[in-house]
C-alpha atoms as a PDB file:
ATOM      1  CA  UNK A   1      16.638-188.699 -60.363  1.00  0.00           C
ATOM      2  CA  UNK A   2      17.615-185.716 -62.598  1.00  0.00           C
ATOM      3  CA  UNK A   3      14.891-183.615 -63.096  1.00  0.00           C
ATOM      4  CA  UNK A   4      14.240-180.472 -65.570  1.00  0.00           C
ATOM      5  CA  UNK A   5      11.505-177.990 -65.626  1.00  0.00           C
ATOM      6  CA  UNK A   6       7.944-179.099 -67.231  1.00  0.00           C
ATOM      7  CA  UNK A   7       6.343-176.257 -69.018  1.00  0.00           C
ATOM      8  CA  UNK A   8       2.981-178.074 -68.782  1.00  0.00           C
ATOM      9  CA  UNK A   9       3.212-178.077 -64.897  1.00  0.00           C
ATOM     10  CA  UNK A  10       1.454-175.523 -62.844  1.00  0.00           C
ATOM     11  CA  UNK A  11       4.807-174.476 -61.719  1.00  0.00           C
ATOM     12  CA  UNK A  12       8.296-175.468 -61.960  1.00  0.00           C
ATOM     13  CA  UNK A  13      11.797-175.968 -60.155  1.00  0.00           C
ATOM     14  CA  UNK A  14      12.044-178.282 -57.111  1.00  0.00           C
ATOM     15  CA  UNK A  15      14.500-179.922 -55.064  1.00  0.00           C
ATOM     16  CA  UNK A  16      13.535-184.263 -51.477  1.00  0.00           C
ATOM     17  CA  UNK A  17      12.443-190.264 -48.161  1.00  0.00           C
ATOM     18  CA  UNK A  18       9.060-192.675 -48.491  1.00  0.00           C
ATOM     19  CA  UNK A  19       6.089-192.275 -47.312  1.00  0.00           C
ATOM     20  CA  UNK A  20       7.519-194.884 -46.577  1.00  0.00           C
ATOM     21  CA  UNK A  21      10.485-193.191 -44.767  1.00  0.00           C
ATOM     22  CA  UNK A  22       8.492-190.072 -43.845  1.00  0.00           C
ATOM     23  CA  UNK A  23      10.863-187.708 -41.367  1.00  0.00           C
ATOM     24  CA  UNK A  24       8.708-185.956 -39.173  1.00  0.00           C
ATOM     25  CA  UNK A  25      10.107-183.937 -36.399  1.00  0.00           C
ATOM     26  CA  UNK A  26       7.356-184.482 -33.972  1.00  0.00           C
ATOM     27  CA  UNK A  27       3.542-185.831 -33.916  1.00  0.00           C
ATOM     28  CA  UNK A  28       2.217-183.350 -32.096  1.00  0.00           C
ATOM     29  CA  UNK A  29      -0.979-182.166 -33.775  1.00  0.00           C
ATOM     30  CA  UNK A  30      -2.162-178.255 -33.773  1.00  0.00           C
ATOM     31  CA  UNK A  31      -5.789-178.228 -33.214  1.00  0.00           C
ATOM     32  CA  UNK A  32      -6.612-175.570 -35.182  1.00  0.00           C
ATOM     33  CA  UNK A  33      -5.299-176.899 -38.166  1.00  0.00           C
ATOM     34  CA  UNK A  34      -7.096-180.061 -37.660  1.00  0.00           C
ATOM     35  CA  UNK A  35     -10.224-178.814 -37.178  1.00  0.00           C
ATOM     36  CA  UNK A  36     -10.202-176.603 -39.954  1.00  0.00           C
ATOM     37  CA  UNK A  37      -9.534-179.443 -42.580  1.00  0.00           C
ATOM     38  CA  UNK A  38     -11.239-182.145 -41.163  1.00  0.00           C
ATOM     39  CA  UNK A  39     -14.557-183.692 -42.593  1.00  0.00           C
ATOM     40  CA  UNK A  40     -16.192-187.024 -41.690  1.00  0.00           C
ATOM     41  CA  UNK A  41     -17.648-189.612 -43.862  1.00  0.00           C
ATOM     42  CA  UNK A  42     -21.053-188.412 -42.757  1.00  0.00           C
ATOM     43  CA  UNK A  43     -20.369-185.014 -43.870  1.00  0.00           C
ATOM     44  CA  UNK A  44     -18.567-185.573 -47.001  1.00  0.00           C
ATOM     45  CA  UNK A  45     -21.794-187.843 -48.120  1.00  0.00           C
ATOM     46  CA  UNK A  46     -24.297-185.003 -47.024  1.00  0.00           C
ATOM     47  CA  UNK A  47     -22.933-182.270 -48.844  1.00  0.00           C
ATOM     48  CA  UNK A  48     -20.709-181.239 -51.974  1.00  0.00           C
ATOM     49  CA  UNK A  49     -17.714-179.602 -50.921  1.00  0.00           C
ATOM     50  CA  UNK A  50     -15.902-177.273 -53.904  1.00  0.00           C
ATOM     51  CA  UNK A  51     -12.452-178.867 -54.285  1.00  0.00           C
ATOM     52  CA  UNK A  52      -9.659-176.451 -54.008  1.00  0.00           C
ATOM     53  CA  UNK A  53      -7.910-175.881 -57.145  1.00  0.00           C
ATOM     54  CA  UNK A  54      -3.973-175.816 -57.840  1.00  0.00           C
ATOM     55  CA  UNK A  55      -4.305-172.248 -57.447  1.00  0.00           C
ATOM     56  CA  UNK A  56      -6.357-172.258 -54.175  1.00  0.00           C
ATOM     57  CA  UNK A  57      -3.536-174.334 -52.130  1.00  0.00           C
ATOM     58  CA  UNK A  58      -0.686-172.115 -53.779  1.00  0.00           C
ATOM     59  CA  UNK A  59      -2.322-168.849 -52.840  1.00  0.00           C
ATOM     60  CA  UNK A  60      -3.013-170.456 -49.235  1.00  0.00           C
ATOM     61  CA  UNK A  61       0.571-171.453 -48.932  1.00  0.00           C
ATOM     62  CA  UNK A  62       1.717-167.831 -49.440  1.00  0.00           C
ATOM     63  CA  UNK A  63      -0.428-166.286 -47.089  1.00  0.00           C
ATOM     64  CA  UNK A  64       1.709-168.865 -44.374  1.00  0.00           C
ATOM     65  CA  UNK A  65       4.771-167.650 -45.858  1.00  0.00           C
ATOM     66  CA  UNK A  66       5.659-170.789 -47.879  1.00  0.00           C
ATOM     67  CA  UNK A  67       6.786-171.139 -51.786  1.00  0.00           C
ATOM     68  CA  UNK A  68       5.170-174.501 -53.039  1.00  0.00           C
ATOM     69  CA  UNK A  69       6.823-175.762 -56.102  1.00  0.00           C
ATOM     70  CA  UNK A  70       6.129-178.529 -58.497  1.00  0.00           C
ATOM     71  CA  UNK A  71       8.462-180.056 -61.235  1.00  0.00           C
ATOM     72  CA  UNK A  72       7.309-183.167 -63.446  1.00  0.00           C
ATOM     73  CA  UNK A  73       9.219-185.406 -65.527  1.00  0.00           C
ATOM     74  CA  UNK A  74       7.564-188.191 -67.426  1.00  0.00           C
ATOM     75  CA  UNK A  75       5.379-189.988 -64.641  1.00  0.00           C
ATOM     76  CA  UNK A  76       7.595-188.496 -61.606  1.00  0.00           C
ATOM     77  CA  UNK A  77       7.235-185.433 -59.486  1.00  0.00           C
ATOM     78  CA  UNK A  78       8.568-183.402 -57.038  1.00  0.00           C
ATOM     79  CA  UNK A  79       7.547-180.777 -54.593  1.00  0.00           C
ATOM     80  CA  UNK A  80       8.991-178.604 -52.135  1.00  0.00           C
ATOM     81  CA  UNK A  81       8.211-175.844 -49.749  1.00  0.00           C
ATOM     82  CA  UNK A  82      10.446-173.040 -49.284  1.00  0.00           C
ATOM     83  CA  UNK A  83      10.170-170.257 -46.458  1.00  0.00           C
ATOM     84  CA  UNK A  84       9.510-166.924 -48.308  1.00  0.00           C
ATOM     85  CA  UNK A  85      11.082-165.527 -44.704  1.00  0.00           C
ATOM     86  CA  UNK A  86      14.642-167.318 -45.012  1.00  0.00           C
ATOM     87  CA  UNK A  87      14.628-168.732 -48.612  1.00  0.00           C
ATOM     88  CA  UNK A  88      15.416-172.029 -46.785  1.00  0.00           C
ATOM     89  CA  UNK A  89      13.651-175.460 -47.956  1.00  0.00           C
ATOM     90  CA  UNK A  90      11.450-176.493 -45.467  1.00  0.00           C
ATOM     91  CA  UNK A  91      10.156-180.115 -46.901  1.00  0.00           C
ATOM     92  CA  UNK A  92      10.543-182.112 -49.978  1.00  0.00           C
ATOM     93  CA  UNK A  93       8.148-185.036 -51.399  1.00  0.00           C
ATOM     94  CA  UNK A  94       8.595-187.265 -54.340  1.00  0.00           C
ATOM     95  CA  UNK A  95       6.233-189.725 -56.074  1.00  0.00           C
ATOM     96  CA  UNK A  96       4.999-190.968 -59.522  1.00  0.00           C
ATOM     97  CA  UNK A  97       1.856-191.491 -61.298  1.00  0.00           C
ATOM     98  CA  UNK A  98       1.724-195.384 -61.513  1.00  0.00           C
ATOM     99  CA  UNK A  99      -0.997-197.099 -64.178  1.00  0.00           C
ATOM    100  CA  UNK A 100      -2.149-200.594 -63.785  1.00  0.00           C
ATOM    101  CA  UNK A 101      -4.312-202.218 -66.173  1.00  0.00           C
ATOM    102  CA  UNK A 102      -7.106-203.040 -63.374  1.00  0.00           C
ATOM    103  CA  UNK A 103      -6.787-199.935 -61.138  1.00  0.00           C
ATOM    104  CA  UNK A 104      -5.763-197.223 -63.817  1.00  0.00           C
ATOM    105  CA  UNK A 105      -3.697-194.436 -62.706  1.00  0.00           C
ATOM    106  CA  UNK A 106      -2.373-194.380 -58.918  1.00  0.00           C
ATOM    107  CA  UNK A 107      -0.853-191.702 -57.133  1.00  0.00           C
ATOM    108  CA  UNK A 108       2.476-193.222 -55.700  1.00  0.00           C
ATOM    109  CA  UNK A 109       3.669-191.491 -52.849  1.00  0.00           C
ATOM    110  CA  UNK A 110       7.159-192.608 -52.316  1.00  0.00           C
ATOM    111  CA  UNK A 111       8.622-189.903 -50.244  1.00  0.00           C
ATOM    112  CA  UNK A 112       8.153-186.922 -47.791  1.00  0.00           C
ATOM    113  CA  UNK A 113      10.886-185.292 -45.848  1.00  0.00           C
ATOM    114  CA  UNK A 114      10.239-182.180 -43.132  1.00  0.00           C
ATOM    115  CA  UNK A 115      13.660-180.485 -42.152  1.00  0.00           C
ATOM    116  CA  UNK A 116      14.815-179.343 -38.398  1.00  0.00           C
ATOM    117  CA  UNK A 117      13.748-175.952 -39.271  1.00  0.00           C
ATOM    118  CA  UNK A 118      10.481-177.147 -38.764  1.00  0.00           C
ATOM    119  CA  UNK A 119      10.945-178.035 -35.215  1.00  0.00           C
ATOM    120  CA  UNK A 120       8.586-175.785 -32.850  1.00  0.00           C
ATOM    121  CA  UNK A 121       6.937-174.555 -35.803  1.00  0.00           C
ATOM    122  CA  UNK A 122       2.896-174.452 -34.783  1.00  0.00           C
ATOM    123  CA  UNK A 123       2.472-175.552 -38.793  1.00  0.00           C
ATOM    124  CA  UNK A 124       4.673-178.210 -38.969  1.00  0.00           C
ATOM    125  CA  UNK A 125       3.322-181.583 -39.596  1.00  0.00           C
ATOM    126  CA  UNK A 126      -0.575-180.688 -40.663  1.00  0.00           C
ATOM    127  CA  UNK A 127       0.936-177.195 -42.051  1.00  0.00           C
ATOM    128  CA  UNK A 128       3.973-178.065 -43.651  1.00  0.00           C
ATOM    129  CA  UNK A 129       3.028-181.171 -44.436  1.00  0.00           C
ATOM    130  CA  UNK A 130      -0.506-180.522 -45.303  1.00  0.00           C
ATOM    131  CA  UNK A 131       0.446-177.910 -47.968  1.00  0.00           C
ATOM    132  CA  UNK A 132       2.936-180.389 -49.728  1.00  0.00           C
ATOM    133  CA  UNK A 133       0.229-183.282 -49.593  1.00  0.00           C
ATOM    134  CA  UNK A 134      -2.211-181.138 -50.838  1.00  0.00           C
ATOM    135  CA  UNK A 135      -0.154-179.956 -54.062  1.00  0.00           C
ATOM    136  CA  UNK A 136       0.893-184.037 -54.212  1.00  0.00           C
ATOM    137  CA  UNK A 137      -3.550-185.247 -54.153  1.00  0.00           C
ATOM    138  CA  UNK A 138      -4.293-182.209 -56.332  1.00  0.00           C
ATOM    139  CA  UNK A 139      -1.750-183.037 -59.009  1.00  0.00           C
ATOM    140  CA  UNK A 140      -2.986-186.675 -58.481  1.00  0.00           C
ATOM    141  CA  UNK A 141      -6.506-185.478 -59.028  1.00  0.00           C
ATOM    142  CA  UNK A 142      -5.771-183.715 -62.188  1.00  0.00           C
ATOM    143  CA  UNK A 143      -3.751-186.243 -63.420  1.00  0.00           C
ATOM    144  CA  UNK A 144      -6.929-188.577 -63.152  1.00  0.00           C
ATOM    145  CA  UNK A 145      -5.708-190.885 -60.324  1.00  0.00           C
ATOM    146  CA  UNK A 146      -8.517-192.401 -57.919  1.00  0.00           C
ATOM    147  CA  UNK A 147      -6.446-194.407 -55.665  1.00  0.00           C
ATOM    148  CA  UNK A 148      -3.413-193.002 -53.347  1.00  0.00           C
ATOM    149  CA  UNK A 149      -0.892-195.525 -51.881  1.00  0.00           C
ATOM    150  CA  UNK A 150       1.886-195.516 -49.569  1.00  0.00           C
ATOM    151  CA  UNK A 151       3.992-197.847 -47.273  1.00  0.00           C
ATOM    152  CA  UNK A 152       4.366-196.843 -43.394  1.00  0.00           C
ATOM    153  CA  UNK A 153       7.936-198.399 -43.301  1.00  0.00           C
ATOM    154  CA  UNK A 154       8.318-200.612 -40.131  1.00  0.00           C
ATOM    155  CA  UNK A 155      11.753-199.653 -38.990  1.00  0.00           C
ATOM    156  CA  UNK A 156      10.855-199.880 -35.342  1.00  0.00           C
ATOM    157  CA  UNK A 157       7.475-200.803 -33.326  1.00  0.00           C
ATOM    158  CA  UNK A 158       7.121-197.698 -31.797  1.00  0.00           C
ATOM    159  CA  UNK A 159       7.684-195.398 -34.891  1.00  0.00           C
ATOM    160  CA  UNK A 160       5.742-197.942 -37.256  1.00  0.00           C
ATOM    161  CA  UNK A 161       2.689-197.534 -34.936  1.00  0.00           C
ATOM    162  CA  UNK A 162       3.068-193.510 -35.199  1.00  0.00           C
ATOM    163  CA  UNK A 163       3.140-193.712 -38.695  1.00  0.00           C
ATOM    164  CA  UNK A 164      -0.018-196.180 -38.954  1.00  0.00           C
ATOM    165  CA  UNK A 165      -1.946-193.698 -37.032  1.00  0.00           C
ATOM    166  CA  UNK A 166      -0.571-190.733 -38.638  1.00  0.00           C
ATOM    167  CA  UNK A 167      -2.012-191.544 -41.827  1.00  0.00           C
ATOM    168  CA  UNK A 168      -5.152-192.996 -40.798  1.00  0.00           C
ATOM    169  CA  UNK A 169      -5.802-189.868 -39.228  1.00  0.00           C
ATOM    170  CA  UNK A 170      -5.285-187.972 -42.681  1.00  0.00           C
ATOM    171  CA  UNK A 171      -7.161-190.649 -44.403  1.00  0.00           C
ATOM    172  CA  UNK A 172      -5.549-193.876 -45.302  1.00  0.00           C
ATOM    173  CA  UNK A 173      -6.514-197.158 -44.654  1.00  0.00           C
ATOM    174  CA  UNK A 174      -4.692-200.476 -44.086  1.00  0.00           C
ATOM    175  CA  UNK A 175      -4.464-202.813 -47.191  1.00  0.00           C
ATOM    176  CA  UNK A 176      -1.888-205.005 -46.157  1.00  0.00           C
ATOM    177  CA  UNK A 177       0.951-206.038 -44.019  1.00  0.00           C
ATOM    178  CA  UNK A 178       4.233-206.365 -45.802  1.00  0.00           C
ATOM    179  CA  UNK A 179       6.422-208.528 -43.247  1.00  0.00           C
ATOM    180  CA  UNK A 180       8.425-210.449 -45.946  1.00  0.00           C
ATOM    181  CA  UNK A 181       7.256-213.662 -44.883  1.00  0.00           C
ATOM    182  CA  UNK A 182       5.368-214.469 -47.983  1.00  0.00           C
ATOM    183  CA  UNK A 183       6.079-214.585 -51.557  1.00  0.00           C
ATOM    184  CA  UNK A 184       3.608-212.223 -52.343  1.00  0.00           C
ATOM    185  CA  UNK A 185       5.574-209.622 -50.127  1.00  0.00           C
ATOM    186  CA  UNK A 186       8.526-209.489 -52.673  1.00  0.00           C
ATOM    187  CA  UNK A 187       6.879-207.674 -54.855  1.00  0.00           C
ATOM    188  CA  UNK A 188       6.151-204.854 -52.258  1.00  0.00           C
ATOM    189  CA  UNK A 189       9.312-204.968 -50.583  1.00  0.00           C
ATOM    190  CA  UNK A 190      10.811-204.288 -54.399  1.00  0.00           C
ATOM    191  CA  UNK A 191       8.431-201.361 -54.953  1.00  0.00           C
ATOM    192  CA  UNK A 192       9.035-199.775 -51.379  1.00  0.00           C
ATOM    193  CA  UNK A 193      12.360-200.978 -50.735  1.00  0.00           C
ATOM    194  CA  UNK A 194      11.291-202.407 -46.976  1.00  0.00           C
ATOM    195  CA  UNK A 195       8.727-203.678 -44.920  1.00  0.00           C
ATOM    196  CA  UNK A 196       5.688-202.078 -43.128  1.00  0.00           C
ATOM    197  CA  UNK A 197       2.391-201.284 -43.631  1.00  0.00           C
ATOM    198  CA  UNK A 198       0.830-200.948 -47.435  1.00  0.00           C
ATOM    199  CA  UNK A 199      -2.262-197.978 -47.126  1.00  0.00           C
ATOM    200  CA  UNK A 200      -4.373-196.699 -49.517  1.00  0.00           C
ATOM    201  CA  UNK A 201      -7.161-193.981 -50.077  1.00  0.00           C
ATOM    202  CA  UNK A 202      -9.523-192.238 -52.076  1.00  0.00           C
ATOM    203  CA  UNK A 203      -7.863-189.363 -53.817  1.00  0.00           C
ATOM    204  CA  UNK A 204     -11.014-187.220 -54.039  1.00  0.00           C
ATOM    205  CA  UNK A 205     -12.066-187.847 -50.240  1.00  0.00           C
ATOM    206  CA  UNK A 206      -8.325-186.976 -49.510  1.00  0.00           C
ATOM    207  CA  UNK A 207      -8.582-183.498 -51.649  1.00  0.00           C
ATOM    208  CA  UNK A 208     -11.485-182.651 -49.686  1.00  0.00           C
ATOM    209  CA  UNK A 209     -10.700-183.837 -46.291  1.00  0.00           C
ATOM    210  CA  UNK A 210      -7.084-182.196 -46.556  1.00  0.00           C
ATOM    211  CA  UNK A 211      -8.082-179.186 -48.681  1.00  0.00           C
ATOM    212  CA  UNK A 212     -11.400-177.182 -47.506  1.00  0.00           C
ATOM    213  CA  UNK A 213      -9.412-174.739 -45.734  1.00  0.00           C
ATOM    214  CA  UNK A 214      -7.359-173.840 -48.602  1.00  0.00           C
ATOM    215  CA  UNK A 215     -10.895-172.999 -50.879  1.00  0.00           C
ATOM    216  CA  UNK A 216     -12.641-171.133 -47.857  1.00  0.00           C
ATOM    217  CA  UNK A 217      -9.360-169.042 -47.074  1.00  0.00           C
ATOM    218  CA  UNK A 218      -8.657-167.688 -50.636  1.00  0.00           C
ATOM    219  CA  UNK A 219     -12.341-167.861 -52.046  1.00  0.00           C
ATOM    220  CA  UNK A 220     -13.462-165.886 -49.141  1.00  0.00           C
ATOM    221  CA  UNK A 221     -10.924-162.812 -49.648  1.00  0.00           C
ATOM    222  CA  UNK A 222     -11.783-162.442 -53.104  1.00  0.00           C
END
């Protein structure tokens, strides 16, 4: 996909496999990052949390020596995370804004990849992955998306189980098992390029659950 800079995006530039084909170097969870950005449903319902802006997220990433860049062409978008220390790309993601006549705009999360450079980094999954995800969710929210969708690809039982657990922890919930055993699965397989667990999430809830730390950190210093 050849993408040219979009002057209307918050940032431009970029460079890439499916939230379906997510490549994660490790599934270890840094507790400090999880505890800092997690809000359970009861907390969410009882208090209004100020949603972080795109500027909040980008400023917070720079404090972690990460440069996040977003590029859009039509409904498609790409995001890259580059180290400000080494100038090397650490993670990439792709997706698109889809429009359904019954559901309106949907944030379609197609791919994310973390490089081997992130191995051993304390911030690898719920750090770099969190920052990339935050940009995607904020962008989808700004585009008017209510729902985010992805496929946890089933390449192996063990890896698939880890993916589903990972996405559940982020805030996604399973909506369909795509096994290829029924005619209804064909459309999903054509869209996602494989079998697995289709999962959805509320964009606004994801924005709050993932990103509270960005608002607190950047605005508390202003």
